[in-house]
N, C-alpha and C. Protein backbone atom coordinates (compact mmCIF):
# COMPACT_ATOMS: atom_id res chain seq x y z
N MET A 1 17.01 13.64 2.88
CA MET A 1 15.95 13.65 2.66
C MET A 1 15.58 13.02 0.88
N SER A 2 16.56 12.75 -0.19
CA SER A 2 16.35 12.84 -1.20
C SER A 2 16.40 10.69 -1.21
N GLY A 3 16.97 10.20 -0.21
CA GLY A 3 16.88 9.35 0.20
C GLY A 3 15.60 8.59 0.39
N PHE A 4 14.84 9.51 1.23
CA PHE A 4 13.64 8.92 2.03
C PHE A 4 12.72 9.08 0.64
N LYS A 5 13.15 9.80 -0.21
CA LYS A 5 12.33 10.66 -1.61
C LYS A 5 12.34 9.08 -2.38
N ASN A 6 13.57 8.57 -2.77
CA ASN A 6 13.76 7.71 -3.51
C ASN A 6 13.09 6.54 -2.71
N PHE A 7 12.97 5.87 -1.59
CA PHE A 7 12.15 5.11 -0.91
C PHE A 7 10.88 4.88 -1.23
N ILE A 8 10.10 6.23 -1.14
CA ILE A 8 8.56 6.06 -1.16
C ILE A 8 8.26 6.36 -2.57
N LEU A 9 9.02 6.76 -3.31
CA LEU A 9 8.29 6.78 -4.80
C LEU A 9 9.24 5.77 -5.96
N ARG A 10 10.50 5.38 -5.48
CA ARG A 10 10.58 4.80 -6.48
C ARG A 10 10.37 3.03 -6.37
N GLY A 11 10.07 2.69 -5.18
CA GLY A 11 9.76 1.19 -4.75
C GLY A 11 8.19 1.02 -5.04
N ASN A 12 7.69 -0.01 -4.33
CA ASN A 12 6.27 -0.41 -4.31
C ASN A 12 5.83 0.25 -3.28
N LEU A 13 6.27 0.72 -2.02
CA LEU A 13 5.78 0.96 -0.79
C LEU A 13 4.33 1.16 -0.88
N VAL A 14 4.02 2.49 -1.90
CA VAL A 14 2.41 2.73 -1.68
C VAL A 14 1.81 1.36 -2.67
N ASP A 15 2.32 0.98 -3.33
CA ASP A 15 1.39 -0.09 -3.96
C ASP A 15 0.76 -1.02 -3.01
N LEU A 16 2.00 -1.34 -2.51
CA LEU A 16 1.67 -2.17 -1.49
C LEU A 16 0.68 -1.99 -0.15
N ALA A 17 0.58 -0.99 -0.01
CA ALA A 17 0.23 -0.56 1.35
C ALA A 17 -1.51 -0.52 0.73
N VAL A 18 -1.64 -0.07 -0.77
CA VAL A 18 -2.73 0.13 -0.88
C VAL A 18 -3.34 -0.78 -1.07
N ALA A 19 -2.95 -1.72 -1.57
CA ALA A 19 -3.24 -3.37 -1.57
C ALA A 19 -3.64 -3.99 -0.48
N VAL A 20 -3.06 -3.76 0.42
CA VAL A 20 -3.45 -4.55 1.89
C VAL A 20 -4.27 -3.39 2.41
N ILE A 21 -5.00 -2.02 2.33
CA ILE A 21 -6.08 -1.56 2.64
C ILE A 21 -6.93 -2.04 1.89
N ILE A 22 -6.88 -2.20 0.52
CA ILE A 22 -8.25 -2.68 -0.36
C ILE A 22 -8.29 -4.39 0.14
N GLY A 23 -7.39 -5.07 0.48
CA GLY A 23 -7.37 -6.50 0.62
C GLY A 23 -8.34 -6.38 1.79
N VAL A 24 -8.19 -5.95 3.24
CA VAL A 24 -8.60 -5.82 4.39
C VAL A 24 -10.49 -5.81 3.66
N ALA A 25 -10.74 -4.33 3.52
CA ALA A 25 -11.63 -3.90 3.16
C ALA A 25 -12.54 -4.93 2.16
N PHE A 26 -12.03 -5.30 1.29
CA PHE A 26 -12.79 -6.32 0.46
C PHE A 26 -13.30 -7.98 1.24
N GLY A 27 -12.03 -8.06 2.17
CA GLY A 27 -12.30 -9.28 3.09
C GLY A 27 -13.38 -9.07 3.60
N ALA A 28 -13.68 -7.91 4.40
CA ALA A 28 -14.91 -7.54 5.20
C ALA A 28 -16.30 -7.86 4.36
N VAL A 29 -16.32 -7.65 3.04
CA VAL A 29 -17.36 -7.63 1.96
C VAL A 29 -17.42 -9.34 2.12
N VAL A 30 -16.54 -9.98 1.45
CA VAL A 30 -16.80 -11.58 1.50
C VAL A 30 -17.23 -11.78 3.06
N LYS A 31 -16.80 -11.80 4.10
CA LYS A 31 -17.21 -12.02 5.45
C LYS A 31 -18.41 -12.16 5.45
N THR A 32 -18.83 -10.66 5.30
CA THR A 32 -20.52 -10.73 5.71
C THR A 32 -21.17 -10.95 4.35
N PHE A 33 -20.96 -11.40 2.70
CA PHE A 33 -21.89 -12.07 1.97
C PHE A 33 -21.89 -13.13 2.56
N THR A 34 -20.79 -14.21 2.76
CA THR A 34 -21.04 -15.20 3.30
C THR A 34 -21.69 -15.84 4.34
N ALA A 35 -21.62 -14.69 5.58
CA ALA A 35 -22.76 -14.71 6.73
C ALA A 35 -24.32 -14.82 6.23
N TRP A 36 -24.17 -13.75 5.39
CA TRP A 36 -26.02 -13.40 4.78
C TRP A 36 -25.91 -14.74 4.15
N LEU A 37 -25.55 -15.17 3.20
CA LEU A 37 -25.42 -16.22 2.12
C LEU A 37 -25.92 -17.41 3.58
N THR A 38 -25.39 -18.13 4.29
CA THR A 38 -25.45 -18.75 4.79
C THR A 38 -26.49 -18.54 5.88
N GLY A 39 -27.12 -17.60 6.39
CA GLY A 39 -28.01 -17.66 7.21
C GLY A 39 -29.08 -17.52 6.50
N LEU A 40 -29.29 -17.41 4.78
CA LEU A 40 -30.39 -17.82 4.05
C LEU A 40 -30.46 -19.39 4.15
N MET A 41 -29.85 -20.14 4.03
CA MET A 41 -29.79 -21.81 4.21
C MET A 41 -30.59 -22.07 5.34
N PRO A 42 -31.15 -22.92 4.66
CA PRO A 42 -32.14 -23.80 6.00
C PRO A 42 -31.46 -24.81 6.56
N ASN A 43 -31.55 -24.74 7.94
CA ASN A 43 -30.58 -25.83 8.82
C ASN A 43 -29.30 -25.65 8.47
N SER A 44 -28.58 -24.68 8.50
CA SER A 44 -27.09 -24.58 7.99
C SER A 44 -26.92 -24.49 9.38
N ALA A 45 -25.21 -24.95 9.31
CA ALA A 45 -24.35 -24.79 10.73
C ALA A 45 -24.41 -23.34 11.22
N SER A 46 -24.46 -22.31 10.30
CA SER A 46 -24.67 -20.93 11.21
C SER A 46 -25.73 -20.74 12.55
N GLU A 47 -26.65 -21.61 12.00
CA GLU A 47 -27.72 -21.79 12.87
C GLU A 47 -27.28 -22.01 14.29
N TYR A 48 -26.42 -23.28 14.22
CA TYR A 48 -25.86 -23.70 15.57
C TYR A 48 -24.71 -23.06 16.51
N PHE A 49 -24.00 -22.41 15.25
CA PHE A 49 -22.86 -21.56 16.24
C PHE A 49 -23.02 -19.99 16.07
N SER A 50 -24.04 -19.85 15.50
CA SER A 50 -24.06 -18.04 15.58
C SER A 50 -25.78 -17.93 16.47
N THR A 51 -24.71 -16.70 17.25
CA THR A 51 -26.28 -16.23 17.79
C THR A 51 -27.00 -15.12 17.31
N GLU A 52 -26.46 -14.71 16.59
CA GLU A 52 -26.93 -13.20 15.64
C GLU A 52 -26.87 -13.53 14.55
N ALA A 53 -28.16 -13.40 13.85
CA ALA A 53 -28.03 -13.54 12.25
C ALA A 53 -27.99 -12.49 11.53
N GLN A 54 -26.84 -12.69 10.65
CA GLN A 54 -26.59 -11.65 9.81
C GLN A 54 -27.61 -11.45 8.61
N SER A 55 -27.68 -9.95 8.51
CA SER A 55 -28.86 -9.33 7.34
C SER A 55 -28.34 -8.90 5.97
N PHE A 56 -29.28 -8.97 5.23
CA PHE A 56 -28.86 -8.38 4.01
C PHE A 56 -27.84 -6.95 3.88
N GLY A 57 -28.59 -6.04 4.96
CA GLY A 57 -27.72 -4.78 5.56
C GLY A 57 -26.61 -4.42 5.63
N ALA A 58 -26.37 -5.62 6.62
CA ALA A 58 -25.06 -5.51 7.09
C ALA A 58 -23.67 -5.91 5.65
N PHE A 59 -24.44 -6.94 4.78
CA PHE A 59 -23.68 -7.02 3.64
C PHE A 59 -23.44 -5.47 2.37
N LEU A 60 -24.49 -5.26 2.62
CA LEU A 60 -25.01 -3.51 1.72
C LEU A 60 -24.00 -2.92 2.47
N ASN A 61 -23.81 -2.80 3.90
CA ASN A 61 -23.19 -1.87 4.54
C ASN A 61 -21.79 -1.93 4.20
N ALA A 62 -20.98 -3.28 3.99
CA ALA A 62 -19.67 -3.41 3.67
C ALA A 62 -19.72 -3.14 2.33
N VAL A 63 -20.56 -3.30 1.27
CA VAL A 63 -20.20 -3.05 -0.10
C VAL A 63 -20.38 -1.15 -0.03
N ILE A 64 -20.81 -0.78 0.65
CA ILE A 64 -20.78 0.65 0.36
C ILE A 64 -19.56 1.28 1.32
N SER A 65 -19.06 0.68 2.28
CA SER A 65 -17.89 1.13 3.05
C SER A 65 -17.11 0.77 2.16
N PHE A 66 -16.61 -0.43 1.44
CA PHE A 66 -15.93 -1.02 0.65
C PHE A 66 -15.87 0.16 -0.74
N VAL A 67 -16.64 0.46 -1.47
CA VAL A 67 -16.73 1.14 -2.50
C VAL A 67 -16.08 2.84 -1.82
N LEU A 68 -16.74 3.44 -0.69
CA LEU A 68 -16.05 4.41 -0.56
C LEU A 68 -14.56 4.58 0.06
N LEU A 69 -14.19 3.47 0.79
CA LEU A 69 -12.81 3.82 1.37
C LEU A 69 -11.95 3.29 -0.37
N ALA A 70 -12.62 2.93 -1.10
CA ALA A 70 -12.05 2.64 -2.54
C ALA A 70 -11.56 3.96 -3.31
N ALA A 71 -12.51 4.78 -3.26
CA ALA A 71 -12.60 6.04 -3.42
C ALA A 71 -11.86 7.01 -2.73
N VAL A 72 -11.63 7.03 -1.60
CA VAL A 72 -10.80 7.91 -1.03
C VAL A 72 -9.63 7.47 -1.21
N VAL A 73 -9.18 6.31 -0.93
CA VAL A 73 -7.74 6.06 -1.38
C VAL A 73 -7.07 6.04 -2.73
N TYR A 74 -7.93 6.06 -3.66
CA TYR A 74 -7.84 6.40 -4.99
C TYR A 74 -7.45 7.52 -5.21
N PHE A 75 -8.48 8.73 -4.70
CA PHE A 75 -8.36 10.24 -4.97
C PHE A 75 -7.19 10.77 -3.82
N PHE A 76 -7.18 10.28 -2.61
CA PHE A 76 -6.26 10.96 -1.91
C PHE A 76 -4.85 10.09 -1.76
N VAL A 77 -4.61 9.15 -1.85
CA VAL A 77 -3.19 8.52 -2.22
C VAL A 77 -2.64 8.15 -3.62
N VAL A 78 -3.63 7.37 -4.09
CA VAL A 78 -2.98 6.90 -5.42
C VAL A 78 -2.67 8.36 -6.64
N THR A 79 -3.99 8.99 -6.60
CA THR A 79 -3.41 9.91 -7.77
C THR A 79 -2.56 11.05 -7.33
N PRO A 80 -2.26 11.30 -6.17
CA PRO A 80 -1.12 12.34 -5.57
C PRO A 80 0.42 11.53 -5.94
N TYR A 81 0.38 10.01 -5.42
CA TYR A 81 1.33 9.37 -5.65
C TYR A 81 1.76 9.46 -7.27
N VAL A 82 0.78 9.01 -8.04
CA VAL A 82 1.25 9.27 -9.64
C VAL A 82 1.91 10.46 -9.95
N LYS A 83 1.33 11.60 -9.61
CA LYS A 83 1.59 12.82 -9.94
C LYS A 83 3.14 13.23 -9.53
N ALA A 84 3.72 12.83 -7.64
CA ALA A 84 4.57 12.48 -7.66
C ALA A 84 5.75 12.14 -8.31
N LYS A 85 5.12 11.01 -8.00
CA LYS A 85 6.18 9.91 -8.76
C LYS A 85 6.58 10.54 -10.17
N GLU A 86 5.38 11.39 -11.16
CA GLU A 86 5.86 11.62 -12.70
C GLU A 86 6.67 12.70 -12.49
N ARG A 87 6.36 13.61 -11.57
CA ARG A 87 6.96 14.64 -10.93
C ARG A 87 8.50 14.71 -11.06
N PHE A 88 8.93 13.95 -9.95
CA PHE A 88 10.08 13.55 -9.37
C PHE A 88 11.14 12.84 -10.24
N PHE A 89 10.12 11.58 -10.73
CA PHE A 89 10.81 10.70 -11.70
C PHE A 89 10.03 10.37 -13.18
N PRO A 90 10.36 11.61 -13.88
CA PRO A 90 9.83 11.63 -15.08
C PRO A 90 10.13 10.03 -15.81
N SER A 91 8.72 9.42 -16.49
CA SER A 91 9.25 8.35 -17.46
C SER A 91 10.23 8.75 -18.62
N GLU A 92 10.64 7.59 -18.83
CA GLU A 92 11.36 7.58 -20.21
C GLU A 92 11.06 8.35 -21.31
N PRO A 93 11.42 8.93 -22.18
CA PRO A 93 10.54 9.46 -23.46
C PRO A 93 10.43 8.23 -24.52
N SER A 94 9.30 8.16 -25.39
CA SER A 94 9.47 7.33 -25.91
C SER A 94 10.27 7.21 -27.19
N GLY A 95 10.86 6.13 -27.69
CA GLY A 95 11.66 6.11 -28.66
C GLY A 95 12.67 4.60 -28.20
N THR A 96 13.46 4.66 -29.43
CA THR A 96 14.56 3.28 -28.81
C THR A 96 15.75 3.67 -27.41
N PRO A 97 15.73 2.92 -26.47
CA PRO A 97 16.33 3.10 -25.49
C PRO A 97 17.92 3.26 -25.99
N ALA A 98 18.74 3.92 -25.27
CA ALA A 98 20.06 4.07 -25.04
C ALA A 98 20.75 3.24 -25.57
N ASP A 99 20.66 1.71 -24.94
CA ASP A 99 21.20 0.53 -25.10
C ASP A 99 21.44 0.07 -26.77
N ILE A 100 20.07 0.24 -27.20
CA ILE A 100 19.20 -0.45 -27.89
C ILE A 100 20.02 0.31 -29.28
N ALA A 101 19.94 1.83 -29.07
CA ALA A 101 20.56 2.71 -30.24
C ALA A 101 22.26 2.31 -30.66
N LEU A 102 22.80 2.23 -29.26
CA LEU A 102 24.27 2.26 -29.28
C LEU A 102 24.40 0.59 -30.13
N LEU A 103 23.92 -0.44 -30.11
CA LEU A 103 23.84 -1.69 -30.24
C LEU A 103 23.46 -1.47 -31.91
N GLU A 104 22.39 -0.70 -32.27
CA GLU A 104 22.19 -0.52 -33.88
C GLU A 104 23.00 0.47 -34.52
N GLU A 105 24.02 1.30 -34.04
CA GLU A 105 25.21 1.91 -34.48
C GLU A 105 25.98 0.96 -34.70
N ILE A 106 26.23 0.35 -33.66
CA ILE A 106 27.86 -0.98 -33.87
C ILE A 106 27.65 -1.47 -35.11
N ARG A 107 25.96 -1.89 -35.01
CA ARG A 107 25.86 -2.81 -36.32
C ARG A 107 26.01 -2.07 -37.80
N ASP A 108 25.34 -1.13 -37.58
CA ASP A 108 25.63 -0.19 -38.66
C ASP A 108 26.97 -0.06 -39.41
N LEU A 109 27.82 0.06 -38.34
CA LEU A 109 29.60 0.67 -38.78
C LEU A 109 29.60 -1.26 -39.18
N LEU A 110 29.78 -2.04 -38.59
CA LEU A 110 30.16 -3.38 -38.86
C LEU A 110 29.45 -3.86 -40.37
N LYS A 111 28.11 -3.13 -40.80
CA LYS A 111 27.41 -3.50 -41.87
C LYS A 111 28.64 -2.40 -43.31
N SER A 112 28.93 -1.47 -42.83
CA SER A 112 29.68 -0.28 -43.75
C SER A 112 31.18 -1.29 -43.86
N SER A 113 31.66 -1.09 -42.85
CA SER A 113 32.84 -1.69 -42.81
C SER A 113 32.79 -2.90 -43.78
N ARG A 114 32.09 -3.78 -43.84
CA ARG A 114 32.10 -5.05 -44.80
C ARG A 114 31.67 -4.76 -46.15
N ALA A 115 31.15 -3.59 -46.39
CA ALA A 115 30.67 -3.41 -47.64
C ALA A 115 31.63 -2.65 -48.63
N VAL A 116 33.14 -1.85 -47.93
CA VAL A 116 33.85 -1.74 -48.30
C VAL A 116 35.16 -2.43 -48.87
């Protein structure tokens, strides 16, 4: 079970999943916006290839859906993920990392041996 916990919380699996979900939802916003915009253009190619005119309402619906989906993903996926990640894998305390502290100690010992 700890291997699965490490897989979920240590990697970028959740970040990648959130990016795909948000990307698909934003793609729908862009698609409806371009359909609406090309529908406004006189003598556009959309008149020849489209049988259904896209309205501003479809674009507005896509924007509202995107915002709601982003809120749900943030509050029900991202926030619990960050809390669980911090609980199981706390961040290192601020200060000098252990390898830098060791190098500084070696430097100080070399300085003191030269001074003698």
